[in-house]
N, C-alpha and C. Protein backbone atom coordinates (compact mmCIF):
# COMPACT_ATOMS: atom_id res chain seq x y z
N UNK A 1 115.72 245.14 280.96
CA UNK A 1 116.62 244.12 281.42
C UNK A 1 117.44 243.67 280.23
N UNK A 2 118.36 243.90 279.89
CA UNK A 2 119.31 243.08 278.60
C UNK A 2 120.08 241.59 278.85
N UNK A 3 120.09 240.89 278.28
CA UNK A 3 120.64 239.47 278.16
C UNK A 3 121.87 239.42 277.29
N UNK A 4 122.50 238.73 277.99
CA UNK A 4 123.74 238.15 277.15
C UNK A 4 124.20 236.89 277.61
N UNK A 5 124.95 236.10 276.73
CA UNK A 5 125.47 234.80 277.19
C UNK A 5 126.26 234.35 275.98
N UNK A 6 126.91 233.24 276.42
CA UNK A 6 127.96 232.68 275.51
C UNK A 6 127.85 231.48 275.63
N UNK A 7 128.31 230.47 274.76
CA UNK A 7 128.06 228.96 274.48
C UNK A 7 129.60 228.26 274.93
N UNK A 8 129.55 227.51 276.02
CA UNK A 8 130.49 226.66 276.50
C UNK A 8 130.71 225.31 276.00
N UNK A 9 131.35 224.62 276.67
CA UNK A 9 131.52 223.16 276.39
C UNK A 9 130.21 222.59 276.39
N UNK A 10 129.75 221.61 275.45
CA UNK A 10 128.72 220.90 275.17
C UNK A 10 129.04 219.55 275.42
N UNK A 11 128.15 218.90 276.22
CA UNK A 11 128.23 217.52 276.46
C UNK A 11 128.17 216.43 275.38
N UNK A 12 129.24 215.59 275.34
CA UNK A 12 129.05 214.89 274.02
C UNK A 12 129.43 213.28 274.29
N UNK A 13 129.04 212.42 273.41
CA UNK A 13 129.26 211.22 273.80
C UNK A 13 130.84 210.57 273.63
N UNK A 14 131.12 209.68 274.15
CA UNK A 14 132.31 209.08 274.22
C UNK A 14 132.67 207.86 273.59
N UNK A 15 133.87 207.64 272.93
CA UNK A 15 133.95 206.68 271.88
C UNK A 15 133.55 205.33 272.39
N UNK A 16 133.07 204.23 271.41
CA UNK A 16 132.87 203.10 271.94
C UNK A 16 133.21 202.03 270.81
N UNK A 17 133.08 200.80 271.14
CA UNK A 17 133.36 199.65 270.24
C UNK A 17 131.89 199.49 269.46
N UNK A 18 132.08 198.23 268.87
CA UNK A 18 130.50 197.76 268.28
C UNK A 18 129.65 197.46 269.32
N UNK A 19 128.12 197.89 268.93
CA UNK A 19 127.39 197.70 269.93
C UNK A 19 126.23 196.89 268.99
N UNK A 20 125.57 196.05 269.91
CA UNK A 20 124.69 195.09 269.48
C UNK A 20 123.11 195.67 269.29
N UNK A 21 122.77 196.70 269.71
CA UNK A 21 121.91 197.86 269.43
C UNK A 21 121.96 199.16 269.84
N UNK A 22 121.60 199.99 268.93
CA UNK A 22 121.69 201.57 269.12
C UNK A 22 121.66 202.15 270.55
N UNK A 23 122.19 202.93 271.27
CA UNK A 23 121.75 203.63 272.37
C UNK A 23 121.16 204.92 272.22
N UNK A 24 120.29 205.61 273.06
CA UNK A 24 119.79 206.59 272.53
C UNK A 24 120.79 208.06 272.72
N UNK A 25 120.51 208.72 271.76
CA UNK A 25 121.07 210.13 271.34
C UNK A 25 121.04 210.95 272.55
N UNK A 26 122.35 211.01 273.32
CA UNK A 26 122.35 211.81 274.48
C UNK A 26 122.24 213.20 274.31
N UNK A 27 122.46 213.85 272.95
CA UNK A 27 122.39 215.22 272.66
C UNK A 27 121.10 215.79 272.81
N UNK A 28 120.16 215.05 272.27
CA UNK A 28 118.89 215.39 272.61
C UNK A 28 118.40 215.71 274.17
N UNK A 29 118.93 215.19 274.84
CA UNK A 29 118.52 215.49 276.42
C UNK A 29 119.85 215.53 277.17
N UNK A 30 120.36 216.96 277.05
CA UNK A 30 121.47 217.21 277.58
C UNK A 30 121.59 217.63 279.05
N UNK A 31 122.29 217.29 279.82
CA UNK A 31 122.44 217.50 281.43
C UNK A 31 123.23 218.54 281.79
N UNK A 32 122.76 219.57 282.22
CA UNK A 32 123.48 220.86 282.87
C UNK A 32 124.55 220.23 283.67
N UNK A 33 125.82 220.90 283.69
CA UNK A 33 127.23 220.31 284.41
C UNK A 33 126.50 220.38 285.83
N UNK A 34 127.50 219.56 286.68
CA UNK A 34 127.05 219.99 288.02
C UNK A 34 128.31 220.59 288.72
N UNK A 35 127.94 221.98 289.25
CA UNK A 35 129.30 222.74 289.83
C UNK A 35 128.47 223.06 291.27
N UNK A 36 129.57 223.59 292.08
CA UNK A 36 129.32 224.14 293.51
C UNK A 36 128.77 225.58 293.36
N UNK A 37 127.15 225.79 293.11
CA UNK A 37 126.72 227.08 292.70
C UNK A 37 127.24 228.22 293.61
N UNK A 38 127.47 227.85 295.07
CA UNK A 38 128.15 228.64 296.26
C UNK A 38 129.37 229.31 295.88
N UNK A 39 130.16 228.61 295.20
CA UNK A 39 131.68 228.63 295.02
C UNK A 39 131.79 229.58 293.49
N UNK A 40 130.84 229.22 292.67
CA UNK A 40 130.77 229.66 291.80
C UNK A 40 130.46 231.33 291.53
N UNK A 41 129.46 231.27 292.63
CA UNK A 41 128.99 232.85 292.61
C UNK A 41 129.75 233.60 293.33
N UNK A 42 130.69 233.36 294.26
CA UNK A 42 131.80 233.76 294.77
C UNK A 42 132.74 234.20 293.73
N UNK A 43 132.94 233.28 292.77
CA UNK A 43 133.95 233.40 291.67
C UNK A 43 133.42 234.55 290.99
N UNK A 44 132.41 234.62 290.70
CA UNK A 44 131.56 235.65 289.49
C UNK A 44 131.81 236.71 290.41
N UNK A 45 131.37 236.97 291.78
CA UNK A 45 131.37 238.48 292.27
C UNK A 45 132.82 238.91 292.00
N UNK A 46 133.78 238.09 292.51
CA UNK A 46 134.90 238.50 292.42
C UNK A 46 135.42 239.35 290.99
N UNK A 47 134.77 238.89 289.90
CA UNK A 47 134.91 239.65 288.64
C UNK A 47 133.84 240.46 288.53
N UNK A 48 132.60 240.60 288.72
CA UNK A 48 131.70 241.44 288.34
C UNK A 48 131.63 242.65 289.52
N UNK A 49 131.92 242.63 290.64
CA UNK A 49 131.75 243.79 291.55
C UNK A 49 132.74 245.01 291.11
N UNK A 50 134.17 244.45 291.00
CA UNK A 50 135.03 245.39 290.34
C UNK A 50 134.33 246.29 289.06
N UNK A 51 133.95 245.81 288.11
CA UNK A 51 133.66 246.13 287.01
C UNK A 51 132.20 247.28 287.37
N UNK A 52 131.41 246.81 288.36
CA UNK A 52 130.34 247.59 288.30
C UNK A 52 130.68 248.84 289.25
N UNK A 53 131.58 248.49 290.10
CA UNK A 53 131.96 250.00 291.01
C UNK A 53 132.82 250.73 290.18
N UNK A 54 133.63 250.44 289.23
CA UNK A 54 134.59 251.00 288.17
C UNK A 54 133.66 252.21 287.52
N UNK A 55 132.26 251.60 287.35
CA UNK A 55 131.23 252.27 286.21
C UNK A 55 130.63 253.28 286.88
N UNK A 56 130.66 253.39 288.53
CA UNK A 56 130.11 254.12 289.24
C UNK A 56 128.81 253.59 289.99
N UNK A 57 128.35 252.41 289.89
CA UNK A 57 127.32 251.85 290.46
C UNK A 57 127.41 250.77 291.70
N UNK A 58 126.52 250.52 292.51
CA UNK A 58 126.49 249.56 293.40
C UNK A 58 126.05 248.40 292.84
N UNK A 59 126.78 247.09 293.33
CA UNK A 59 126.28 245.98 293.29
C UNK A 59 125.22 245.67 294.10
N UNK A 60 123.90 245.43 294.17
CA UNK A 60 123.26 245.18 295.07
C UNK A 60 122.87 243.66 295.02
N UNK A 61 122.97 243.10 294.33
CA UNK A 61 122.77 241.34 294.49
C UNK A 61 123.29 240.86 293.18
N UNK A 62 123.94 239.65 293.15
CA UNK A 62 124.36 238.89 292.27
C UNK A 62 123.85 237.34 292.35
N UNK A 63 122.90 236.68 291.61
CA UNK A 63 122.61 235.33 291.96
C UNK A 63 122.78 234.58 290.82
N UNK A 64 122.90 233.11 291.04
CA UNK A 64 123.30 232.11 290.06
C UNK A 64 122.26 230.99 290.28
N UNK A 65 121.50 230.85 289.06
CA UNK A 65 120.60 229.73 289.29
C UNK A 65 120.46 228.83 287.96
N UNK A 66 120.00 227.43 287.93
CA UNK A 66 119.84 226.86 286.80
C UNK A 66 118.75 227.15 285.92
N UNK A 67 119.04 226.96 284.75
CA UNK A 67 117.43 227.17 283.78
C UNK A 67 117.71 226.03 282.73
N UNK A 68 117.21 225.03 282.97
CA UNK A 68 117.54 223.58 282.16
C UNK A 68 118.94 223.27 281.82
N UNK A 69 119.61 223.45 280.97
CA UNK A 69 120.76 223.02 280.68
C UNK A 69 121.88 224.29 280.99
N UNK A 70 121.27 225.56 281.29
CA UNK A 70 122.12 226.61 280.98
C UNK A 70 121.79 227.14 282.40
N UNK A 71 122.92 228.15 282.94
CA UNK A 71 122.86 228.90 284.18
C UNK A 71 122.71 230.22 283.99
N UNK A 72 121.88 230.94 284.90
CA UNK A 72 121.60 232.23 284.67
C UNK A 72 122.20 233.13 285.65
N UNK A 73 123.03 234.19 285.35
CA UNK A 73 123.48 235.09 286.21
C UNK A 73 122.85 236.48 286.06
N UNK A 74 122.17 236.45 287.26
CA UNK A 74 121.39 237.85 287.54
C UNK A 74 122.33 238.91 288.34
N UNK A 75 122.36 239.98 287.65
CA UNK A 75 122.99 241.01 288.36
C UNK A 75 122.15 242.34 288.53
N UNK A 76 122.05 242.79 289.83
CA UNK A 76 121.18 244.00 290.17
C UNK A 76 122.23 245.26 290.61
N UNK A 77 122.10 246.17 289.80
CA UNK A 77 123.02 247.53 290.10
C UNK A 77 121.96 248.78 290.55
N UNK A 78 122.61 249.40 291.22
CA UNK A 78 121.69 250.73 291.33
C UNK A 78 122.67 251.67 291.71
N UNK A 79 122.02 252.98 291.93
CA UNK A 79 122.95 254.19 292.05
C UNK A 79 121.92 255.52 292.43
N UNK A 80 122.61 256.31 293.12
CA UNK A 80 121.51 257.98 293.43
C UNK A 80 121.30 258.23 291.96
N UNK A 81 119.91 258.34 291.98
CA UNK A 81 119.48 258.95 290.61
C UNK A 81 118.61 258.00 289.84
N UNK A 82 119.05 256.57 289.91
CA UNK A 82 118.39 255.62 289.50
C UNK A 82 119.30 255.10 288.22
N UNK A 83 118.82 254.00 287.43
CA UNK A 83 119.55 253.33 286.68
C UNK A 83 118.51 253.74 285.40
N UNK A 84 119.15 253.95 284.04
CA UNK A 84 118.54 253.79 283.04
C UNK A 84 118.81 252.78 282.16
N UNK A 85 117.80 252.52 280.87
CA UNK A 85 118.04 251.40 280.00
C UNK A 85 119.76 251.37 279.23
N UNK A 86 120.14 252.77 278.97
CA UNK A 86 121.36 253.02 278.35
C UNK A 86 122.54 252.40 279.76
N UNK A 87 121.99 252.88 280.86
CA UNK A 87 123.31 252.33 281.67
C UNK A 87 123.13 250.93 281.99
N UNK A 88 122.23 250.25 282.01
CA UNK A 88 122.23 249.02 282.24
C UNK A 88 122.91 248.15 280.78
N UNK A 89 122.52 248.72 279.52
CA UNK A 89 123.15 248.38 278.29
C UNK A 89 124.86 248.33 278.58
N UNK A 90 125.39 249.48 278.82
CA UNK A 90 126.76 249.70 278.90
C UNK A 90 127.31 248.92 279.94
N UNK A 91 126.70 248.66 281.04
CA UNK A 91 127.34 247.98 282.26
C UNK A 91 127.08 245.99 281.88
N UNK A 92 126.02 245.94 281.27
CA UNK A 92 125.91 244.66 280.61
C UNK A 92 126.97 244.20 279.86
N UNK A 93 127.49 244.93 278.95
CA UNK A 93 128.81 244.72 277.87
C UNK A 93 129.79 244.50 278.65
N UNK A 94 130.15 245.43 279.58
CA UNK A 94 131.38 245.53 280.23
C UNK A 94 131.42 244.36 281.13
N UNK A 95 130.37 243.72 281.86
CA UNK A 95 130.33 242.78 282.57
C UNK A 95 130.75 241.49 281.78
N UNK A 96 130.13 241.60 280.84
CA UNK A 96 130.35 240.35 279.74
C UNK A 96 131.54 240.07 279.24
N UNK A 97 132.07 241.40 279.11
CA UNK A 97 133.37 241.45 278.38
C UNK A 97 134.42 240.95 279.37
N UNK A 98 134.30 241.22 280.60
CA UNK A 98 135.28 240.88 281.99
C UNK A 98 134.93 239.39 281.99
N UNK A 99 133.83 238.97 281.90
CA UNK A 99 133.88 237.40 282.51
C UNK A 99 134.34 236.66 281.38
N UNK A 100 134.28 237.03 280.07
CA UNK A 100 134.93 236.41 278.86
C UNK A 100 136.26 236.61 279.09
N UNK A 101 136.92 237.74 279.56
CA UNK A 101 138.57 237.71 280.08
C UNK A 101 138.68 236.87 281.01
N UNK A 102 138.10 236.73 282.04
CA UNK A 102 138.35 235.78 283.04
C UNK A 102 138.34 234.43 282.92
N UNK A 103 137.58 233.98 281.81
CA UNK A 103 137.63 232.46 281.32
C UNK A 103 139.02 232.43 280.68
N UNK A 104 139.21 233.45 279.90
CA UNK A 104 140.50 233.01 278.88
C UNK A 104 141.87 233.14 279.76
N UNK A 105 141.93 233.91 281.00
CA UNK A 105 142.66 233.80 281.67
C UNK A 105 143.03 232.68 282.82
N UNK A 106 141.78 232.42 283.23
CA UNK A 106 141.83 231.69 284.44
C UNK A 106 141.11 230.45 284.11
N UNK A 107 140.31 230.11 283.19
CA UNK A 107 139.89 228.87 283.04
C UNK A 107 138.35 229.20 283.10
N UNK A 108 137.45 228.52 282.94
CA UNK A 108 135.79 228.86 282.83
C UNK A 108 135.66 228.83 284.15
N UNK A 109 134.60 230.18 284.40
CA UNK A 109 134.14 230.17 285.60
C UNK A 109 132.73 229.32 285.60
N UNK A 110 132.28 229.26 284.76
CA UNK A 110 130.94 228.31 284.52
C UNK A 110 131.09 227.27 283.59
N UNK A 111 131.22 225.93 283.95
CA UNK A 111 130.91 224.86 282.88
C UNK A 111 129.68 224.88 282.19
N UNK A 112 129.95 225.15 280.95
CA UNK A 112 128.63 225.13 279.95
C UNK A 112 128.31 226.57 279.96
N UNK A 113 127.14 226.68 279.27
CA UNK A 113 126.32 227.80 278.62
C UNK A 113 125.78 228.81 279.87
N UNK A 114 125.91 230.12 279.81
CA UNK A 114 125.12 230.87 280.76
C UNK A 114 124.69 232.04 280.06
N UNK A 115 123.52 232.57 280.82
CA UNK A 115 122.95 233.65 280.28
C UNK A 115 122.94 234.79 281.46
N UNK A 116 123.31 236.05 281.00
CA UNK A 116 123.81 237.28 281.92
C UNK A 116 122.53 238.15 281.81
N UNK A 117 121.77 238.56 282.85
CA UNK A 117 120.94 239.30 283.08
C UNK A 117 121.23 240.63 284.25
N UNK A 118 121.23 241.77 283.55
CA UNK A 118 121.58 242.65 284.37
C UNK A 118 120.29 243.91 284.29
N UNK A 119 119.78 244.32 285.59
CA UNK A 119 118.89 244.95 285.90
C UNK A 119 119.15 245.90 287.48
N UNK A 120 118.40 246.63 287.37
CA UNK A 120 118.15 247.28 288.95
C UNK A 120 116.93 246.99 289.56
N UNK A 121 117.07 247.15 290.85
CA UNK A 121 116.20 246.54 291.85
C UNK A 121 114.90 247.08 291.79
N UNK A 122 113.91 246.35 292.07
CA UNK A 122 112.34 246.95 292.34
C UNK A 122 112.05 247.30 293.53
N UNK A 123 110.96 248.01 293.38
CA UNK A 123 110.42 248.81 294.77
C UNK A 123 110.24 247.74 295.71
N UNK A 124 110.25 246.62 295.60
CA UNK A 124 109.85 245.42 296.45
C UNK A 124 111.27 245.13 297.39
N UNK A 125 112.36 245.78 296.89
CA UNK A 125 113.54 245.13 297.35
C UNK A 125 113.74 245.98 298.97
N UNK A 126 114.04 245.03 299.98
CA UNK A 126 114.20 245.44 301.37
C UNK A 126 115.15 246.58 301.40
N UNK A 127 114.79 247.52 302.14
CA UNK A 127 115.84 248.79 302.17
C UNK A 127 116.66 248.13 303.73
N UNK A 128 117.97 247.62 303.36
CA UNK A 128 118.74 247.00 304.33
C UNK A 128 119.93 247.98 304.46
N UNK A 129 120.44 248.83 303.52
CA UNK A 129 121.68 249.75 303.80
C UNK A 129 121.36 251.16 303.66
N UNK A 130 122.40 251.94 304.50
CA UNK A 130 121.71 253.29 304.42
C UNK A 130 121.74 254.05 303.12
N UNK A 131 122.19 253.49 302.16
CA UNK A 131 122.04 254.02 300.93
C UNK A 131 120.83 253.80 300.25
N UNK A 132 120.24 252.49 300.67
CA UNK A 132 118.88 252.38 300.18
C UNK A 132 117.89 253.46 300.73
N UNK A 133 118.02 253.60 301.83
CA UNK A 133 117.16 254.48 302.67
C UNK A 133 117.27 256.25 301.96
N UNK A 134 118.80 256.36 301.74
CA UNK A 134 118.90 257.76 301.08
C UNK A 134 118.10 258.07 299.62
N UNK A 135 118.15 256.80 299.08
CA UNK A 135 117.61 256.63 297.53
C UNK A 135 115.97 256.84 297.65
N UNK A 136 115.62 256.69 298.93
CA UNK A 136 114.06 256.72 298.82
C UNK A 136 113.32 257.51 299.88
N UNK A 137 113.93 258.65 299.87
CA UNK A 137 113.49 259.85 300.68
C UNK A 137 112.40 260.54 299.86
N UNK A 138 111.52 260.64 300.84
CA UNK A 138 109.96 261.14 300.20
C UNK A 138 109.10 260.03 300.16
N UNK A 139 109.59 258.49 300.00
CA UNK A 139 108.46 257.65 299.72
C UNK A 139 108.01 256.98 301.33
N UNK A 140 106.90 256.36 301.34
CA UNK A 140 106.07 255.91 302.26
C UNK A 140 106.97 254.44 302.48
N UNK A 141 107.50 254.28 303.69
CA UNK A 141 107.93 252.87 304.12
C UNK A 141 107.41 252.41 305.18
N UNK A 142 107.20 250.93 305.48
CA UNK A 142 107.06 250.43 306.49
C UNK A 142 108.14 249.91 307.33
N UNK A 143 108.33 250.08 308.31
CA UNK A 143 109.70 249.33 309.04
C UNK A 143 109.40 249.30 310.55
N UNK A 144 109.80 248.24 311.36
CA UNK A 144 109.74 248.30 312.75
C UNK A 144 108.22 248.22 313.24
N UNK A 145 107.18 247.93 312.27
CA UNK A 145 105.89 248.05 312.85
C UNK A 145 105.15 249.08 312.75
N UNK A 146 105.69 250.32 312.18
CA UNK A 146 105.13 251.39 311.90
C UNK A 146 105.25 251.72 310.30
N UNK A 147 104.40 252.73 310.04
CA UNK A 147 104.72 253.29 308.48
C UNK A 147 104.65 254.62 308.58
N UNK A 148 105.87 255.18 307.82
CA UNK A 148 106.00 256.65 308.11
C UNK A 148 106.75 256.88 306.33
N UNK A 149 106.84 258.13 306.19
CA UNK A 149 107.48 258.82 305.06
C UNK A 149 108.97 259.41 305.45
N UNK A 150 109.63 258.71 304.52
CA UNK A 150 111.19 258.99 304.73
C UNK A 150 111.42 260.66 304.72
N UNK A 151 111.85 261.33 305.87
CA UNK A 151 112.18 262.72 305.49
C UNK A 151 113.65 263.07 305.21
N UNK A 152 114.68 262.34 305.95
CA UNK A 152 115.89 262.44 305.91
C UNK A 152 116.86 261.23 306.13
N UNK A 153 117.95 261.11 305.69
CA UNK A 153 119.07 260.11 306.45
C UNK A 153 120.20 261.10 306.46
N UNK A 154 120.90 260.42 307.82
CA UNK A 154 122.42 260.80 308.05
C UNK A 154 123.21 259.65 308.32
N UNK A 155 124.33 260.17 309.14
CA UNK A 155 125.37 259.31 309.37
C UNK A 155 124.88 258.42 310.57
N UNK A 156 123.78 259.05 311.33
CA UNK A 156 123.05 258.31 312.61
C UNK A 156 122.14 257.31 312.19
N UNK A 157 121.15 257.81 311.42
CA UNK A 157 120.12 256.99 311.25
C UNK A 157 119.12 257.59 310.20
N UNK A 158 117.75 257.48 310.47
CA UNK A 158 116.58 257.85 309.50
C UNK A 158 115.60 258.69 310.34
N UNK A 159 115.20 259.67 309.77
CA UNK A 159 114.06 260.54 310.31
C UNK A 159 112.66 260.13 309.54
N UNK A 160 111.70 259.74 310.29
CA UNK A 160 110.42 259.54 309.45
C UNK A 160 109.42 260.58 309.73
N UNK A 161 108.39 260.64 309.25
CA UNK A 161 107.09 261.38 309.19
C UNK A 161 106.05 260.16 309.76
N UNK A 162 105.99 260.03 311.12
CA UNK A 162 104.76 259.17 311.00
C UNK A 162 103.53 259.87 311.85
N UNK A 163 102.30 259.83 311.12
CA UNK A 163 101.31 260.61 311.48
C UNK A 163 101.50 261.93 311.90
N UNK A 164 102.37 262.76 310.95
CA UNK A 164 102.44 264.18 311.13
C UNK A 164 103.60 264.71 311.98
N UNK A 165 104.24 263.46 312.82
CA UNK A 165 105.25 263.57 313.87
C UNK A 165 106.58 262.92 313.40
N UNK A 166 107.55 263.59 313.62
CA UNK A 166 109.15 263.08 313.40
C UNK A 166 109.50 261.94 314.19
N UNK A 167 109.58 260.64 313.57
CA UNK A 167 110.02 259.61 314.26
C UNK A 167 111.53 259.27 313.84
N UNK A 168 112.52 259.40 315.04
CA UNK A 168 113.71 259.27 314.27
C UNK A 168 114.56 257.87 314.88
N UNK A 169 115.07 257.23 313.91
CA UNK A 169 115.61 255.75 314.36
C UNK A 169 117.10 255.56 314.05
N UNK A 170 117.86 255.40 314.72
CA UNK A 170 118.93 255.08 314.66
C UNK A 170 119.24 253.51 313.66
N UNK A 171 120.56 253.40 313.01
CA UNK A 171 120.70 252.56 311.90
C UNK A 171 121.09 251.50 313.15
N UNK A 172 121.14 251.18 313.99
CA UNK A 172 121.43 250.16 314.87
C UNK A 172 120.19 249.39 315.19
N UNK A 173 119.05 250.25 315.15
CA UNK A 173 117.63 249.83 315.82
C UNK A 173 116.79 249.72 314.45
N UNK A 174 117.11 249.88 313.52
CA UNK A 174 116.20 249.92 312.21
C UNK A 174 116.25 248.61 311.52
N UNK A 175 115.19 247.94 311.43
CA UNK A 175 115.09 246.83 310.57
C UNK A 175 114.91 247.03 309.15
N UNK A 176 114.86 246.00 308.22
CA UNK A 176 114.69 246.20 306.88
C UNK A 176 113.42 246.86 306.46
N UNK A 177 113.42 247.87 305.76
CA UNK A 177 112.40 248.68 305.36
C UNK A 177 111.44 247.98 304.14
N UNK A 178 110.41 248.44 303.77
CA UNK A 178 109.52 248.00 302.81
C UNK A 178 108.58 249.19 302.14
N UNK A 179 109.04 249.50 300.80
CA UNK A 179 108.33 250.74 300.26
C UNK A 179 107.27 250.44 300.13
N UNK A 180 106.11 251.22 300.56
CA UNK A 180 104.69 250.92 300.62
C UNK A 180 104.27 251.50 299.06
N UNK A 181 103.60 251.11 298.16
CA UNK A 181 103.09 251.58 296.95
C UNK A 181 101.66 252.34 297.20
N UNK A 182 101.62 253.68 296.55
CA UNK A 182 100.73 254.63 296.85
C UNK A 182 99.90 254.70 295.49
N UNK A 183 98.75 255.11 295.86
CA UNK A 183 97.76 255.16 294.53
C UNK A 183 97.36 256.58 294.62
N UNK A 184 97.43 257.21 293.95
CA UNK A 184 96.49 258.69 293.77
C UNK A 184 94.99 258.36 293.92
N UNK A 185 94.86 259.35 294.65
CA UNK A 185 93.14 259.16 294.75
C UNK A 185 92.45 259.69 293.51
N UNK A 186 91.31 259.20 292.99
CA UNK A 186 90.68 259.52 291.97
C UNK A 186 90.05 260.82 291.77
N UNK A 187 89.77 261.59 293.14
CA UNK A 187 89.23 262.93 292.94
C UNK A 187 90.41 263.84 292.98
N UNK A 188 91.95 263.40 293.11
CA UNK A 188 92.79 264.18 293.14
C UNK A 188 93.72 264.14 291.71
N UNK A 189 93.21 263.13 290.97
CA UNK A 189 94.05 262.79 289.79
C UNK A 189 93.57 263.69 288.65
N UNK A 190 94.68 264.13 287.96
CA UNK A 190 94.50 265.23 286.80
C UNK A 190 94.58 264.42 285.28
N UNK A 191 93.55 264.20 284.79
CA UNK A 191 93.21 263.40 283.71
C UNK A 191 93.36 264.19 282.34
N UNK A 192 93.87 265.63 282.41
CA UNK A 192 94.25 266.49 281.35
C UNK A 192 93.19 266.80 280.46
N UNK A 193 91.89 266.43 280.57
CA UNK A 193 90.86 266.56 279.68
C UNK A 193 89.46 267.40 280.07
N UNK A 194 89.73 268.15 281.46
CA UNK A 194 88.53 268.85 282.14
C UNK A 194 88.73 270.08 281.34
N UNK A 195 89.43 270.65 281.06
CA UNK A 195 89.38 272.11 280.40
C UNK A 195 88.90 271.77 278.90
N UNK A 196 89.32 271.12 278.16
CA UNK A 196 88.60 270.65 276.71
C UNK A 196 87.22 270.38 277.01
N UNK A 197 86.70 269.90 278.03
CA UNK A 197 85.19 269.45 278.30
C UNK A 197 84.40 270.63 278.65
N UNK A 198 85.14 271.76 279.33
CA UNK A 198 84.34 273.13 279.88
C UNK A 198 84.34 273.88 278.44
N UNK A 199 85.47 273.68 277.71
CA UNK A 199 85.50 274.63 276.41
C UNK A 199 84.16 273.98 275.59
N UNK A 200 84.07 272.70 275.38
CA UNK A 200 82.74 272.24 274.62
C UNK A 200 81.93 272.63 275.09
N UNK A 201 81.42 272.83 276.21
CA UNK A 201 80.17 273.01 277.02
C UNK A 201 79.76 274.54 276.48
N UNK A 202 80.77 275.49 276.78
CA UNK A 202 80.76 276.81 276.67
C UNK A 202 80.40 276.94 275.03
N UNK A 203 80.93 276.26 274.26
CA UNK A 203 80.66 276.64 272.85
C UNK A 203 79.64 276.04 272.43
N UNK A 204 78.81 275.03 273.15
CA UNK A 204 77.41 274.62 272.76
C UNK A 204 76.29 275.57 273.13
N UNK A 205 76.75 276.18 274.28
CA UNK A 205 75.57 277.25 274.69
C UNK A 205 75.57 278.48 273.92
N UNK A 206 76.80 278.58 273.02
CA UNK A 206 76.73 280.12 272.22
C UNK A 206 76.47 279.62 270.84
N UNK A 207 75.23 280.70 270.48
CA UNK A 207 74.88 280.72 269.17
C UNK A 207 74.61 282.06 268.47
């Protein structure tokens, strides 16, 4: 996950006349600007989504939260075949440039400082769109109270392998799926050193 950011307007004190006693330095305790997060997120999405689409990826999620005096913009992207670190770096740079350009032409999207984080969704992301299921063919998934392996997807729905039997579910009847983490059994695991041990044993018996 890469992080980028820029410094915006900083809160400052207003001019005043003579004071009988010093006032506390408000710069040491800055207050984050008050904004409508829902409206700001919508404005950000208008800028970010075309950039992501032009790069050939899907915008899976865009969130905007506060972190102290900063705002944190988190952008989740994905694509068939997955996302690599180089892809994240390129898209992060292009999004940052687009946000800067939007600020210059239409005023600040966010008042104050923000931090941009770009990454790809983890396996805990719910499968809610056909593309999510397509990208998880072969994985074990829990959905609608059953657990099965995704065999295939098409325009109509998903085919699961549930206890060795094919189970067909239409998109309209499919709830949000959750990928199940599978751990390889210890006795099936290949540690890569069994052959070396056998050769050492054979060597010890030969004199």
